[in-house]
Amino acid sequence: MRFIPPLLTFALVVTVFACTKPKDPPPPPAAHSDITPNAFIGTPKEAAAKLNESLVLRDHPELATRRGDAIVIRYAGRDVVTYADDPRGCARYVIERAVMVRDAKTGRREPIALVACHFGVTTNRYLVLPDSGKYAVTDDVAASPDGRFLATSDSTVTPSRGAFIIMDWPTVETRAEFPAGCTHLKWQDNDHLTADCWHSDTPNTVNPDESEARFFRANVWRDGGVWRMQAVQWLHRDTFAPRASAQPLPRFTAINKTGVDAPG
C-alpha cells in the first residue's frame, strides 16, 4: 500500500469537507431604506425643521395645532385639514412657513400654511388652500404686503411649468405669467417686487440649466392691469453675484392667463 504522509491526508480531508459542507444561506435582500436612504427622518434636518415649525406656531397659534404625529391646519377658527405621518406615504409632515394673505371676507391679512411632505429622499412643498386643496410650490413664494398677490413659479403640469407668475389671491388659477424663472423674491410695496431671474431664448425659456439661460436681477411692477419685468443687472449663474456685460438687458410683459395654461 502506498504511504500517504499524515499532513497530506489532513489536507485531503479538509478539502473534501469544504466541498461537501452546506453553503451559507444568501443574505436577505437589502431593505428599501438601504437602497433609498432617508435624507430627513432622524437627521439634524428633521430636528431643525421641527424646531422651525414650533417657532412658526408660536408666532401664529391660530394657524395649526400639532398633535403628536398629526398636524391640524386651521383657518378663521375652522379646522381645514389634518395631516398625519404615514410610513407608506408622507413619512413626515412639517409646517415650514406662514404666508400672510388677504382674507376675502374680512379684508384682513391672515396666515396660510406652507407644508413640507418628506418621504425617502424626496420633499414636496405646497400651500394649504382654504378649501383644503393644495397648491404645489416649486420655488420661492412671497405675498404682497397687502396679501392680494402671490408671486411664485407655475406648478401646473403644462408646458409653462416653472414660469414666474403672479397670482390674484385667492383665485390661484388667475395669473400673470412671465417667460422667466425667478427666485429671491422681495416685495417693495403692494405693486412692486424685485427678484433674481433667468431666461433663455430657446423653446424651454425657463430652464435654469439650459446652456443659453441668462441670469439677471429684475424689477417687476404692476402697470394698471398689466405686470411688467425689467432686468436691471446681469448675474452670475451659480452665485447670483452681479457681473458686467454689454448685452442689452431684457424686458418682458406678462401674459394674463386663467385656468390650465389657457390664455385669458
Protein backbone atom coordinates (compact mmCIF):
# COMPACT_ATOMS: atom_id res chain seq x y z
CA MET A 1 0.00 0.00 0.00
CA ARG A 2 1.26 3.40 -0.93
CA PHE A 3 2.21 5.56 2.07
CA ILE A 4 0.42 8.93 2.29
CA PRO A 5 2.00 11.46 4.64
CA PRO A 6 -0.24 12.48 7.57
CA LEU A 7 -0.20 16.17 6.59
CA LEU A 8 -1.38 15.35 3.07
CA THR A 9 -4.15 13.14 4.48
CA PHE A 10 -5.33 16.04 6.69
CA ALA A 11 -5.34 18.43 3.74
CA LEU A 12 -7.39 15.99 1.65
CA VAL A 13 -9.95 15.59 4.44
CA VAL A 14 -10.29 19.36 4.87
CA THR A 15 -10.73 19.81 1.12
CA VAL A 16 -13.45 17.14 0.92
CA PHE A 17 -15.26 18.66 3.93
CA ALA A 18 -15.12 22.12 2.40
CA CYS A 19 -16.60 20.84 -0.84
CA THR A 20 -19.42 18.93 0.89
CA LYS A 21 -20.24 21.47 3.63
CA PRO A 22 -23.66 23.10 3.04
CA LYS A 23 -23.32 26.67 1.78
CA ASP A 24 -24.39 29.52 4.00
CA PRO A 25 -27.77 30.93 3.01
CA PRO A 26 -27.61 34.13 0.94
CA PRO A 27 -28.03 37.37 2.87
CA PRO A 28 -31.57 38.77 2.93
CA PRO A 29 -32.33 41.41 0.33
CA ALA A 30 -31.48 44.93 1.39
CA ALA A 31 -34.35 46.84 2.93
CA HIS A 32 -35.89 49.63 0.86
CA SER A 33 -34.40 52.18 3.24
CA ASP A 34 -30.95 50.77 2.46
CA ILE A 35 -31.49 51.22 -1.27
CA THR A 36 -33.01 54.68 -0.88
CA PRO A 37 -31.60 56.03 2.36
CA ASN A 38 -33.84 58.52 4.11
CA ALA A 39 -32.40 62.00 3.89
CA PHE A 40 -34.65 63.53 6.55
CA ILE A 41 -36.02 61.27 9.32
CA GLY A 42 -33.67 61.01 12.26
CA THR A 43 -31.26 63.59 10.85
CA PRO A 44 -30.35 67.07 12.10
CA LYS A 45 -32.54 68.37 9.25
CA GLU A 46 -35.61 66.87 10.91
CA ALA A 47 -34.71 68.35 14.29
CA ALA A 48 -34.18 71.78 12.72
CA ALA A 49 -37.48 71.54 10.79
CA LYS A 50 -39.43 70.63 13.93
CA LEU A 51 -37.83 73.49 15.84
CA ASN A 52 -38.70 75.86 13.00
CA GLU A 53 -42.31 74.60 12.99
CA SER A 54 -42.60 75.26 16.73
CA LEU A 55 -41.47 78.85 16.14
CA VAL A 56 -43.99 79.31 13.32
CA LEU A 57 -46.80 78.04 15.56
CA ARG A 58 -45.59 80.19 18.44
CA ASP A 59 -45.94 83.27 16.22
CA HIS A 60 -49.20 82.07 14.62
CA PRO A 61 -51.01 79.89 17.19
CA GLU A 62 -54.26 80.24 15.24
CA LEU A 63 -52.72 78.59 12.16
CA ALA A 64 -52.47 74.96 13.29
CA THR A 65 -52.17 72.55 16.21
CA ARG A 66 -49.57 69.82 16.49
CA ARG A 67 -50.95 66.59 18.00
CA GLY A 68 -48.09 64.12 18.10
CA ASP A 69 -47.64 62.75 14.58
CA ALA A 70 -50.56 64.79 13.21
CA ILE A 71 -50.90 68.47 12.35
CA VAL A 72 -54.34 70.13 12.18
CA ILE A 73 -54.44 73.14 9.84
CA ARG A 74 -56.98 75.76 10.94
CA TYR A 75 -58.13 78.91 9.14
CA ALA A 76 -60.53 81.52 10.54
CA GLY A 77 -61.12 79.34 13.59
CA ARG A 78 -62.20 76.36 11.46
CA ASP A 79 -60.35 73.06 11.07
CA VAL A 80 -59.47 72.77 7.38
CA VAL A 81 -57.49 69.53 7.12
CA THR A 82 -55.45 67.11 9.23
CA TYR A 83 -52.18 65.58 8.01
CA ALA A 84 -50.82 62.51 9.81
CA ASP A 85 -47.37 60.98 9.30
CA ASP A 86 -47.59 57.75 7.33
CA PRO A 87 -44.58 55.50 6.54
CA ARG A 88 -46.35 54.37 3.35
CA GLY A 89 -46.80 57.94 2.14
CA CYS A 90 -45.59 61.19 3.66
CA ALA A 91 -43.42 59.93 6.48
CA ARG A 92 -43.21 63.42 7.97
CA TYR A 93 -45.43 66.48 7.58
CA VAL A 94 -43.90 69.73 8.78
CA ILE A 95 -45.10 73.32 8.55
CA GLU A 96 -42.28 75.42 7.11
CA ARG A 97 -43.81 78.89 6.90
CA ALA A 98 -46.86 81.01 7.41
CA VAL A 99 -47.66 83.09 4.32
CA MET A 100 -49.76 86.16 5.02
CA VAL A 101 -52.59 86.62 2.52
CA ARG A 102 -55.74 88.75 2.41
CA ASP A 103 -58.92 87.15 3.71
CA ALA A 104 -61.63 87.90 1.12
CA LYS A 105 -64.40 88.08 3.77
CA THR A 106 -62.74 90.26 6.41
CA GLY A 107 -60.16 92.12 4.32
CA ARG A 108 -57.55 91.33 6.97
CA ARG A 109 -54.25 89.56 6.35
CA GLU A 110 -54.37 86.01 7.67
CA PRO A 111 -51.74 83.24 7.65
CA ILE A 112 -51.92 80.15 5.44
CA ALA A 113 -49.55 77.22 5.87
CA LEU A 114 -46.67 76.21 3.63
CA VAL A 115 -46.29 72.50 4.38
CA ALA A 116 -43.44 70.14 3.51
CA CYS A 117 -44.11 66.44 2.91
CA HIS A 118 -40.93 64.37 3.41
CA PHE A 119 -40.67 60.79 2.09
CA GLY A 120 -37.47 58.94 1.24
CA VAL A 121 -35.09 61.38 -0.39
CA THR A 122 -37.95 63.49 -1.77
CA THR A 123 -39.67 66.56 -0.39
CA ASN A 124 -42.88 68.08 -1.78
CA ARG A 125 -43.98 71.53 -0.66
CA TYR A 126 -47.37 73.14 -1.05
CA LEU A 127 -49.63 75.86 0.22
CA VAL A 128 -52.73 74.59 2.02
CA LEU A 129 -55.68 76.43 0.47
CA PRO A 130 -58.75 77.50 2.45
CA ASP A 131 -60.83 74.77 0.74
CA SER A 132 -58.26 72.16 1.96
CA GLY A 133 -56.77 71.88 -1.53
CA LYS A 134 -53.05 72.09 -2.24
CA TYR A 135 -51.05 74.44 -4.43
CA ALA A 136 -47.64 72.90 -5.16
CA VAL A 137 -44.68 75.19 -4.58
CA THR A 138 -41.60 74.51 -6.70
CA ASP A 139 -39.55 77.59 -5.78
CA ASP A 140 -39.70 80.68 -3.61
CA VAL A 141 -43.16 82.08 -2.80
CA ALA A 142 -43.92 85.57 -1.47
CA ALA A 143 -47.13 87.50 -0.82
CA SER A 144 -47.51 91.22 -1.45
CA PRO A 145 -47.66 93.36 1.73
CA ASP A 146 -51.45 93.69 1.40
CA GLY A 147 -51.82 89.94 0.74
CA ARG A 148 -53.63 90.43 -2.58
CA PHE A 149 -50.95 88.85 -4.80
CA LEU A 150 -48.75 85.75 -4.58
CA ALA A 151 -45.52 85.59 -6.58
CA THR A 152 -44.02 82.15 -7.23
CA SER A 153 -43.32 79.61 -10.01
CA ASP A 154 -46.09 78.00 -12.02
CA SER A 155 -46.62 74.45 -10.73
CA THR A 156 -49.31 73.32 -13.18
CA VAL A 157 -48.50 70.28 -15.31
CA THR A 158 -48.23 72.24 -18.54
CA PRO A 159 -45.51 73.39 -20.94
CA SER A 160 -45.24 76.61 -18.89
CA ARG A 161 -44.41 74.83 -15.61
CA GLY A 162 -41.66 76.76 -13.87
CA ALA A 163 -42.54 80.11 -15.40
CA PHE A 164 -42.60 83.04 -12.98
CA ILE A 165 -46.17 84.01 -12.15
CA ILE A 166 -48.09 86.48 -10.00
CA MET A 167 -51.46 85.15 -8.85
CA ASP A 168 -54.50 87.10 -7.73
CA TRP A 169 -55.27 85.74 -4.27
CA PRO A 170 -57.41 83.77 -3.59
CA THR A 171 -58.13 82.95 -7.27
CA VAL A 172 -54.93 80.93 -7.81
CA GLU A 173 -55.96 79.98 -11.37
CA THR A 174 -55.81 83.63 -12.46
CA ARG A 175 -52.23 84.65 -13.02
CA ALA A 176 -49.83 86.88 -14.90
CA GLU A 177 -47.06 84.77 -16.46
CA PHE A 178 -43.53 85.77 -17.49
CA PRO A 179 -41.24 83.68 -19.76
CA ALA A 180 -38.66 83.51 -16.97
CA GLY A 181 -37.86 81.66 -13.78
CA CYS A 182 -37.32 83.70 -10.62
CA THR A 183 -36.24 83.29 -7.00
CA HIS A 184 -35.11 85.53 -4.10
CA LEU A 185 -38.41 87.40 -4.25
CA LYS A 186 -38.71 90.66 -2.28
CA TRP A 187 -41.82 92.82 -2.37
CA GLN A 188 -41.04 96.53 -2.16
CA ASP A 189 -44.70 97.59 -1.93
CA ASN A 190 -48.10 96.25 -3.00
CA ASP A 191 -47.36 96.71 -6.71
CA HIS A 192 -43.60 96.21 -6.98
CA LEU A 193 -41.09 93.47 -6.20
CA THR A 194 -37.52 92.54 -7.05
CA ALA A 195 -36.27 89.08 -7.98
CA ASP A 196 -33.29 87.15 -9.32
CA CYS A 197 -34.38 85.61 -12.61
CA TRP A 198 -33.23 83.66 -15.68
CA HIS A 199 -34.44 83.37 -19.26
CA SER A 200 -33.41 81.52 -22.39
CA ASP A 201 -34.31 82.27 -26.00
CA THR A 202 -34.66 78.51 -26.63
CA PRO A 203 -38.08 76.77 -26.59
CA ASN A 204 -37.59 75.97 -22.88
CA THR A 205 -37.36 79.59 -21.77
CA VAL A 206 -37.42 78.90 -18.00
CA ASN A 207 -34.92 76.04 -17.55
CA PRO A 208 -32.07 77.38 -15.38
CA ASP A 209 -29.79 74.52 -16.56
CA GLU A 210 -30.21 75.45 -20.21
CA SER A 211 -26.79 76.47 -21.55
CA GLU A 212 -28.35 79.52 -23.19
CA ALA A 213 -30.02 80.73 -19.98
CA ARG A 214 -29.04 84.22 -18.86
CA PHE A 215 -29.39 85.31 -15.24
CA PHE A 216 -30.34 88.81 -14.15
CA ARG A 217 -31.79 90.89 -11.33
CA ALA A 218 -35.17 92.37 -12.20
CA ASN A 219 -37.76 94.88 -11.15
CA VAL A 220 -41.34 93.61 -11.50
CA TRP A 221 -44.25 96.00 -11.19
CA ARG A 222 -47.96 96.39 -11.91
CA ASP A 223 -48.84 98.90 -14.58
CA GLY A 224 -52.62 99.19 -14.42
CA GLY A 225 -53.86 95.69 -15.25
CA VAL A 226 -50.50 94.57 -16.69
CA TRP A 227 -47.44 93.20 -14.91
CA ARG A 228 -44.04 94.12 -16.39
CA MET A 229 -40.46 92.97 -15.79
CA GLN A 230 -37.28 94.94 -16.46
CA ALA A 231 -33.84 93.39 -15.94
CA VAL A 232 -31.50 95.84 -14.19
CA GLN A 233 -28.28 93.81 -13.65
CA TRP A 234 -26.67 90.72 -15.15
CA LEU A 235 -25.88 87.98 -12.60
CA HIS A 236 -23.51 85.04 -12.38
CA ARG A 237 -25.29 81.73 -12.94
CA ASP A 238 -24.06 79.95 -9.79
CA THR A 239 -23.70 82.74 -7.23
CA PHE A 240 -26.24 85.34 -8.38
CA ALA A 241 -23.50 87.91 -7.86
CA PRO A 242 -23.53 90.93 -10.21
CA ARG A 243 -21.43 90.64 -13.37
CA ALA A 244 -20.53 93.11 -16.08
CA SER A 245 -21.88 92.70 -19.60
CA ALA A 246 -22.54 94.97 -22.57
CA GLN A 247 -25.56 92.88 -23.67
CA PRO A 248 -28.91 94.70 -23.65
CA LEU A 249 -30.94 93.84 -20.56
CA PRO A 250 -34.23 92.07 -21.33
CA ARG A 251 -37.71 93.41 -20.67
CA PHE A 252 -40.93 91.36 -20.58
CA THR A 253 -44.66 91.95 -20.36
CA ALA A 254 -46.63 89.22 -18.59
CA ILE A 255 -49.41 87.32 -20.32
CA ASN A 256 -52.65 87.17 -18.31
CA LYS A 257 -53.92 83.59 -18.05
CA THR A 258 -56.82 81.77 -16.43
CA GLY A 259 -57.20 78.04 -15.84
CA VAL A 260 -54.74 75.40 -17.03
CA ASP A 261 -52.34 77.16 -19.39
CA ALA A 262 -55.19 78.85 -21.24
CA PRO A 263 -54.82 82.44 -22.45
CA GLY A 264 -57.04 84.81 -20.51
